[in-house]
Amino acid sequence: MKIEYSQWFDFAMKFVMKHEGIILNKDDPSRYGISIPVLKMQGDQDNDGWVDGDLNHDYEIDVEDLRIMTPEQSKPFYYKQFWQPYHYDELISGQNIKMPLSIITQVFDFAVNVGTGQAHKNFQKALNVFNAGLKIDGIIGMKTRAAIWSVEHTTTEGILASYKATQAQFYFYLAAKYPEYKKYLKGWLNRTYDWEGLFL
């Protein structure tokens, strides 16, 4: 069954795809940020009789599936792993307290890189810079959503700037703790401070 994506998910995916390139190497092959282990985890969620990660239908999930993957074929993996479980569509379109699309897009992009738990905790830390008083639990509930609109002396852009600063801090921490990650630091920071395409 074909997934009907929201306009917000499509918008956020364009931003993420700027940062998730094509990497095919022997040690850890991936394409559009998706690796072979991720392909193997998918199962047959569209009920077409084929494992979703077996893109060439040869009964094996391997680098050949990555080679033929298109950006459109990568979307279900991002949707099912990073977007849908955290109800980002509802957070943007909610009747009571809506979250700006630009903020969800930035959170989504960071989550793709480091995991949703860390991405959500960093967002709460970014709001606490403005004295939001949030518990850092990684859960974007009503208190976190309300804080976006209740914090004083800032704007959506100000919150995003604060969030990006917490991301950079986290990446510097990773590079300091794990020297083998230092080679990724420049790319991580470029990704963090990319503003182009964040706003409609």
Foldseek 3Di string as FASTA:
>chain_A
DDDDDDPLLVLLLVLLQVQQAAAQDDPWGAHSLHTLVLQVPQQCPVPPPDRLQPCVPPPDRDVVSRVPDDSVSCSVSLCVFQNVVQPLVCQQVPPPFHDPSLLSSLLSNVCSVPNQQVSQLLLVVLLCVLVLPDDSGSRCDPSNRVSQVPRPDDHPVSSLVSSLVSQLVVLVVVCVVPVVCVVCNVSSNVSSPDPPSSHD
